Amino acid sequence: MHKNYQPVKPATNKLLKKRWDGAAHDMHRKKVASAKPVVDTSSPHTYAHLQSKLKKLQLDEERHAVIDRDNRHLLERMSEIMRTRGRVDNWNGYEPKSLNKAKRTRELIRVTLENQKILARIQAKQPQYSVKKWEEDWVDTKKYMGSIRRYSDDWYQQMQKEKRRSRQSSRGTRASTRQRTVTREASEPQSLSRAGDEIETEVSKTEQETSVAATEQ
């Protein structure tokens, strides 16, 4: 088999050359199989201090501890105050005092007196305009307006009354015409019966006359 082997490079012994090439190929395959990648494609490492954040947890616990302590102290103080009446008495008989109270009182009295004087002057002042004169002028104005205008003050009411009267008259005429037609229709059969009776009486008279004339002959 080694006689048919064709080496890449010239060799004096094909058997040894084939063995050497086989050993080199096997070593190459092993190196390829055991070779490590140049670029690291693996996931990054996870650090515990970035995931758990122990410092933040510690700060939160300290803050909650401070809040619980303050709440406990406040509750203790409130319970003590409820059990007792307290150790501080803040009730006193102090009344606020003003340094310019007398001055403000005098100023208020002065303003009140001035307002009363002004009110008295306004009430004692005679009016410049006379309401009675205005009423008389308005009566004269209405008289002049009534003499030159075409329609009176109650023209609308009169127009409405005329409309009502015309409607009532039209309704009355309609009712009278209807009554006349009804009476006419009722009187027509009576007149026909009367005419028939008159005709019958005339016929009977003529028959009697003819019978009398026949007997005389």
Protein backbone atom coordinates (compact mmCIF):
# COMPACT_ATOMS: atom_id res chain seq x y z
CA MET A 1 0.00 0.00 0.00
CA HIS A 2 2.86 2.39 0.74
CA LYS A 3 4.10 1.93 -2.82
CA ASN A 4 0.96 3.68 -4.17
CA TYR A 5 1.34 6.59 -1.76
CA GLN A 6 2.25 9.85 -3.46
CA PRO A 7 3.90 12.27 -1.01
CA VAL A 8 3.67 16.00 -1.53
CA LYS A 9 7.40 16.46 -1.19
CA PRO A 10 9.98 14.06 -2.64
CA ALA A 11 11.15 11.33 -0.25
CA THR A 12 13.62 8.41 -0.50
CA ASN A 13 11.42 6.03 1.54
CA LYS A 14 7.68 6.11 0.89
CA LEU A 15 6.86 3.90 3.88
CA LEU A 16 8.47 6.20 6.38
CA LYS A 17 7.13 9.25 4.60
CA LYS A 18 3.57 7.91 4.83
CA ARG A 19 3.96 7.22 8.56
CA TRP A 20 5.41 10.62 9.19
CA ASP A 21 2.63 12.34 7.22
CA GLY A 22 -0.02 10.30 9.05
CA ALA A 23 1.46 11.22 12.43
CA ALA A 24 1.59 14.92 11.44
CA HIS A 25 -2.04 14.80 10.24
CA ASP A 26 -3.19 13.18 13.47
CA MET A 27 -1.36 15.80 15.51
CA HIS A 28 -2.98 18.52 13.38
CA ARG A 29 -6.47 17.12 13.97
CA LYS A 30 -5.83 16.96 17.71
CA LYS A 31 -4.67 20.57 17.73
CA VAL A 32 -7.74 21.65 15.75
CA ALA A 33 -10.04 19.74 18.10
CA SER A 34 -8.40 21.17 21.19
CA ALA A 35 -7.99 24.72 19.82
CA LYS A 36 -9.60 27.56 21.81
CA PRO A 37 -11.44 30.49 20.16
CA VAL A 38 -9.65 33.81 19.95
CA VAL A 39 -12.91 35.79 20.53
CA ASP A 40 -14.70 35.13 23.86
CA THR A 41 -18.40 34.59 22.98
CA SER A 42 -19.45 33.35 26.38
CA SER A 43 -21.89 35.30 28.62
CA PRO A 44 -20.37 37.79 31.07
CA HIS A 45 -19.95 36.95 34.66
CA THR A 46 -22.75 37.86 37.08
CA TYR A 47 -21.65 39.70 40.18
CA ALA A 48 -23.58 39.29 43.39
CA HIS A 49 -23.18 42.89 44.54
CA LEU A 50 -24.85 44.08 41.32
CA GLN A 51 -27.80 41.71 41.64
CA SER A 52 -28.66 41.94 45.33
CA LYS A 53 -27.49 45.55 46.07
CA LEU A 54 -26.73 44.93 49.69
CA LYS A 55 -25.95 48.58 50.41
CA LYS A 56 -29.41 49.68 49.31
CA LEU A 57 -31.01 46.95 51.41
CA GLN A 58 -28.97 48.08 54.38
CA LEU A 59 -30.03 51.70 53.94
CA ASP A 60 -33.69 50.69 53.64
CA GLU A 61 -33.48 48.62 56.78
CA GLU A 62 -31.85 51.51 58.67
CA ARG A 63 -34.51 53.95 57.46
CA HIS A 64 -37.33 51.59 58.46
CA ALA A 65 -35.66 51.08 61.83
CA VAL A 66 -35.52 54.87 62.39
CA ILE A 67 -39.19 55.23 61.38
CA ASP A 68 -40.23 52.39 63.70
CA ARG A 69 -38.26 53.96 66.55
CA ASP A 70 -39.82 57.40 66.03
CA ASN A 71 -43.30 55.90 65.80
CA ARG A 72 -42.71 53.95 69.00
CA HIS A 73 -41.52 57.08 70.80
CA LEU A 74 -44.50 59.06 69.54
CA LEU A 75 -46.90 56.33 70.61
CA GLU A 76 -45.33 56.22 74.05
CA ARG A 77 -45.64 59.99 74.43
CA MET A 78 -49.27 59.97 73.29
CA SER A 79 -50.15 57.15 75.65
CA GLU A 80 -48.43 59.01 78.51
CA ILE A 81 -50.33 62.19 77.70
CA MET A 82 -53.61 60.26 77.63
CA ARG A 83 -52.86 58.62 80.97
CA THR A 84 -51.85 61.90 82.62
CA ARG A 85 -52.81 65.53 82.07
CA GLY A 86 -49.35 66.50 80.92
CA ARG A 87 -46.56 68.24 82.68
CA VAL A 88 -46.86 71.60 80.89
CA ASP A 89 -49.69 74.06 81.60
CA ASN A 90 -49.92 76.48 78.68
CA TRP A 91 -53.11 78.19 79.83
CA ASN A 92 -52.69 81.77 80.96
CA GLY A 93 -54.79 84.89 81.36
CA TYR A 94 -52.90 87.02 78.86
CA GLU A 95 -55.07 89.30 76.73
CA PRO A 96 -53.69 90.95 73.60
CA LYS A 97 -53.35 94.69 73.97
CA SER A 98 -53.09 97.35 71.30
CA LEU A 99 -50.85 100.40 71.63
CA ASN A 100 -53.02 102.63 69.39
CA LYS A 101 -56.48 101.46 70.44
CA ALA A 102 -57.46 104.90 71.80
CA LYS A 103 -56.34 106.62 68.62
CA ARG A 104 -58.26 104.20 66.39
CA THR A 105 -61.35 104.69 68.57
CA ARG A 106 -61.16 108.48 68.24
CA GLU A 107 -60.68 108.16 64.47
CA LEU A 108 -63.73 105.89 64.21
CA ILE A 109 -65.86 108.34 66.21
CA ARG A 110 -64.71 111.22 63.99
CA VAL A 111 -65.57 109.36 60.76
CA THR A 112 -68.97 108.38 62.16
CA LEU A 113 -69.81 111.98 63.07
CA GLU A 114 -68.76 113.22 59.63
CA ASN A 115 -70.93 110.59 57.94
CA GLN A 116 -73.90 111.62 60.07
CA LYS A 117 -73.40 115.28 59.14
CA ILE A 118 -73.20 114.43 55.45
CA LEU A 119 -76.38 112.34 55.73
CA ALA A 120 -78.21 115.21 57.45
CA ARG A 121 -77.12 117.65 54.74
CA ILE A 122 -78.28 115.28 52.00
CA GLN A 123 -81.66 114.77 53.66
CA ALA A 124 -82.15 118.50 54.27
CA LYS A 125 -81.25 119.41 50.67
CA GLN A 126 -84.25 120.31 48.53
CA PRO A 127 -84.51 118.37 45.26
CA GLN A 128 -83.70 120.25 42.08
CA TYR A 129 -86.11 118.25 39.92
CA SER A 130 -89.85 118.04 40.61
CA VAL A 131 -91.54 114.69 40.13
CA LYS A 132 -94.93 116.39 39.92
CA LYS A 133 -93.69 118.57 37.06
CA TRP A 134 -92.40 115.45 35.28
CA GLU A 135 -95.81 113.80 35.61
CA GLU A 136 -97.58 116.85 34.23
CA ASP A 137 -95.19 117.03 31.29
CA TRP A 138 -95.73 113.35 30.60
CA VAL A 139 -99.53 113.81 30.63
CA ASP A 140 -99.21 116.68 28.10
CA THR A 141 -96.88 114.58 25.97
CA LYS A 142 -99.34 111.69 25.91
CA LYS A 143 -102.10 114.11 24.92
CA TYR A 144 -100.04 115.44 22.00
CA MET A 145 -99.11 111.92 20.93
CA GLY A 146 -102.76 110.86 20.99
CA SER A 147 -103.76 113.84 18.83
CA ILE A 148 -101.21 113.11 16.08
CA ARG A 149 -101.09 109.34 15.97
CA ARG A 150 -103.31 107.11 13.87
CA TYR A 151 -104.08 104.28 16.30
CA SER A 152 -105.15 104.51 19.91
CA ASP A 153 -103.49 102.84 22.88
CA ASP A 154 -105.86 99.89 22.90
CA TRP A 155 -105.87 99.33 19.14
CA TYR A 156 -104.54 95.81 19.54
CA GLN A 157 -107.23 94.87 22.06
CA GLN A 158 -109.92 96.35 19.80
CA MET A 159 -108.58 94.43 16.83
CA GLN A 160 -108.69 91.20 18.85
CA LYS A 161 -112.29 91.94 19.93
CA GLU A 162 -113.31 92.55 16.30
CA LYS A 163 -111.72 89.27 15.28
CA ARG A 164 -113.62 87.45 18.02
CA ARG A 165 -116.88 89.09 16.96
CA SER A 166 -116.33 88.19 13.32
CA ARG A 167 -115.58 84.60 14.28
CA GLN A 168 -118.70 84.41 16.44
CA SER A 169 -120.85 85.93 13.71
CA SER A 170 -119.45 83.52 11.13
CA ARG A 171 -120.16 80.61 13.46
CA GLY A 172 -123.72 81.91 14.03
CA THR A 173 -124.38 82.23 10.29
CA ARG A 174 -123.05 78.73 9.72
CA ALA A 175 -125.30 77.36 12.46
CA SER A 176 -128.34 79.23 11.09
CA THR A 177 -127.72 77.97 7.56
CA ARG A 178 -127.38 74.43 8.86
CA GLN A 179 -130.65 74.79 10.82
CA ARG A 180 -132.42 76.17 7.75
CA THR A 181 -131.25 73.27 5.62
CA VAL A 182 -132.38 70.80 8.27
CA THR A 183 -135.81 72.44 8.60
CA ARG A 184 -136.16 72.63 4.83
CA GLU A 185 -135.34 68.95 4.48
CA ALA A 186 -137.84 68.16 7.24
CA SER A 187 -140.59 70.35 5.71
CA GLU A 188 -140.29 68.98 2.17
CA PRO A 189 -142.04 65.64 2.93
CA GLN A 190 -144.82 67.45 4.77
CA SER A 191 -145.39 69.78 1.81
CA LEU A 192 -145.44 66.82 -0.57
CA SER A 193 -148.00 65.01 1.60
CA ARG A 194 -150.17 68.13 1.74
CA ALA A 195 -150.01 68.52 -2.04
CA GLY A 196 -151.05 64.88 -2.44
CA ASP A 197 -153.96 65.37 -0.05
CA GLU A 198 -155.12 68.46 -1.95
CA ILE A 199 -154.94 66.56 -5.25
CA GLU A 200 -156.94 63.69 -3.81
CA THR A 201 -159.62 66.08 -2.47
CA GLU A 202 -159.88 67.80 -5.85
CA VAL A 203 -160.19 64.43 -7.63
CA SER A 204 -162.89 63.34 -5.23
CA LYS A 205 -164.80 66.62 -5.76
CA THR A 206 -164.65 66.24 -9.52
CA GLU A 207 -165.88 62.67 -9.24
CA GLN A 208 -168.77 63.77 -7.04
CA GLU A 209 -169.71 66.54 -9.48
CA THR A 210 -169.65 64.17 -12.42
CA SER A 211 -171.80 61.68 -10.50
CA VAL A 212 -174.35 64.38 -9.57
CA ALA A 213 -174.55 65.59 -13.19
CA ALA A 214 -175.13 62.06 -14.40
CA THR A 215 -178.00 61.48 -11.94
CA GLU A 216 -179.72 64.73 -12.96
CA GLN A 217 -179.67 63.73 -16.62
